[in-house]
Amino acid sequence: MQKLLHMVLMDKQHHKIQATVEDDLITTFIHQLKEGDVFIISDFKVKPNRGLVRVTRHRFRILFKCSTSVVAVASTVIPNPGLSLTSMNQIPWFKSNFYEPDSLEVH
């Protein structure tokens, strides 16, 4: 089974895009990436954001390559707004493809 490292990246306009690091490259990038830090990332693949698992509304997603460059930078321009949550009712395919419970209990 292939391991994948999934991330959501955000620019200074708060646009979010899904990024994925495949199994053979995880050890290369895992120590370079830290949640909440700002990076300049270059030389990556851009693919359509399709499939059942779409963590952003962006029409594309980023796939890291062995030549992808990740450089940490100091910046106060990009704030950390945290998560932006979406109601399940706002996800068009959810209503038609899945059972929606009346209540949800979390322990």
Protein backbone atom coordinates (compact mmCIF):
# COMPACT_ATOMS: atom_id res chain seq x y z
CA MET A 1 0.00 0.00 0.00
CA GLN A 2 1.37 3.38 -1.01
CA LYS A 3 1.76 6.01 1.70
CA LEU A 4 0.87 9.60 0.89
CA LEU A 5 1.49 12.84 2.77
CA HIS A 6 -1.38 15.27 2.14
CA MET A 7 -1.29 18.98 3.00
CA VAL A 8 -3.37 22.07 2.47
CA LEU A 9 -1.26 25.04 1.40
CA MET A 10 -2.46 28.64 1.60
CA ASP A 11 -1.22 31.85 -0.05
CA LYS A 12 -1.47 35.41 1.26
CA GLN A 13 -4.94 35.84 -0.30
CA HIS A 14 -6.10 32.77 1.71
CA HIS A 15 -6.46 30.63 -1.44
CA LYS A 16 -6.00 27.00 -0.48
CA ILE A 17 -4.71 24.11 -2.58
CA GLN A 18 -4.12 20.46 -1.80
CA ALA A 19 -0.54 19.23 -2.03
CA THR A 20 0.61 15.61 -1.98
CA VAL A 21 3.98 13.97 -1.39
CA GLU A 22 4.12 10.36 -2.56
CA ASP A 23 5.66 7.50 -0.59
CA ASP A 24 9.19 7.54 -2.02
CA LEU A 25 9.59 11.29 -1.38
CA ILE A 26 8.10 11.59 2.11
CA THR A 27 11.48 11.19 3.86
CA THR A 28 12.89 13.94 1.63
CA PHE A 29 10.25 16.54 2.54
CA ILE A 30 8.85 15.56 5.96
CA HIS A 31 11.58 17.40 7.89
CA GLN A 32 11.43 20.51 5.66
CA LEU A 33 7.73 21.16 6.18
CA LYS A 34 6.32 22.51 9.42
CA GLU A 35 2.70 23.48 9.99
CA GLY A 36 2.21 27.22 10.28
CA ASP A 37 5.53 28.13 8.64
CA VAL A 38 5.85 30.00 5.35
CA PHE A 39 7.66 28.46 2.38
CA ILE A 40 8.52 29.16 -1.21
CA ILE A 41 7.80 25.92 -3.07
CA SER A 42 8.87 25.53 -6.68
CA ASP A 43 9.23 22.88 -9.39
CA PHE A 44 6.17 20.69 -8.79
CA LYS A 45 3.49 19.01 -10.89
CA VAL A 46 0.01 20.54 -11.18
CA LYS A 47 -2.89 18.13 -11.71
CA PRO A 48 -6.66 18.51 -11.84
CA ASN A 49 -8.26 18.14 -8.40
CA ARG A 50 -10.59 15.23 -9.08
CA GLY A 51 -11.88 12.23 -7.22
CA LEU A 52 -13.95 11.55 -4.15
CA VAL A 53 -11.44 13.00 -1.67
CA ARG A 54 -11.14 16.73 -2.35
CA VAL A 55 -9.96 18.68 0.66
CA THR A 56 -10.09 22.07 -1.09
CA ARG A 57 -12.36 23.67 -3.67
CA HIS A 58 -9.38 24.58 -5.83
CA ARG A 59 -9.64 23.09 -9.32
CA PHE A 60 -6.00 21.92 -9.21
CA ARG A 61 -3.72 20.15 -6.75
CA ILE A 62 0.06 20.06 -6.37
CA LEU A 63 2.19 16.92 -6.53
CA PHE A 64 5.75 17.15 -5.22
CA LYS A 65 8.57 15.78 -7.42
CA CYS A 66 12.13 14.77 -6.47
CA SER A 67 13.28 18.14 -7.88
CA THR A 68 10.73 20.18 -5.88
CA SER A 69 12.38 22.92 -3.85
CA VAL A 70 11.08 23.93 -0.39
CA VAL A 71 12.65 27.05 1.13
CA ALA A 72 11.48 28.39 4.51
CA VAL A 73 11.04 32.18 4.67
CA ALA A 74 10.22 34.63 7.42
CA SER A 75 6.92 36.34 6.68
CA THR A 76 4.20 38.15 8.59
CA VAL A 77 2.15 38.66 5.41
CA ILE A 78 0.41 35.30 5.57
CA PRO A 79 -1.74 35.01 8.71
CA ASN A 80 -2.75 31.71 10.27
CA PRO A 81 -6.56 31.75 10.09
CA GLY A 82 -6.83 28.09 11.05
CA LEU A 83 -9.56 25.95 9.56
CA SER A 84 -12.46 27.14 7.49
CA LEU A 85 -15.27 24.64 7.97
CA THR A 86 -17.97 23.81 5.45
CA SER A 87 -21.35 22.36 6.27
CA MET A 88 -21.96 18.88 4.85
CA ASN A 89 -25.10 20.32 3.24
CA GLN A 90 -22.90 22.59 1.10
CA ILE A 91 -21.11 19.61 -0.46
CA PRO A 92 -23.24 18.70 -3.52
CA TRP A 93 -22.19 15.05 -3.86
CA PHE A 94 -22.63 14.34 -0.12
CA LYS A 95 -26.43 14.60 -0.15
CA SER A 96 -26.86 12.16 -3.01
CA ASN A 97 -24.13 9.62 -2.23
CA PHE A 98 -24.08 9.18 1.52
CA TYR A 99 -26.42 8.66 4.43
CA GLU A 100 -26.64 11.79 6.54
CA PRO A 101 -27.23 11.01 10.22
CA ASP A 102 -29.71 13.03 12.30
CA SER A 103 -27.04 13.51 14.96
CA LEU A 104 -23.37 12.84 15.44
CA GLU A 105 -21.83 11.83 18.75
CA VAL A 106 -18.11 12.40 19.30
CA HIS A 107 -16.23 10.79 22.20
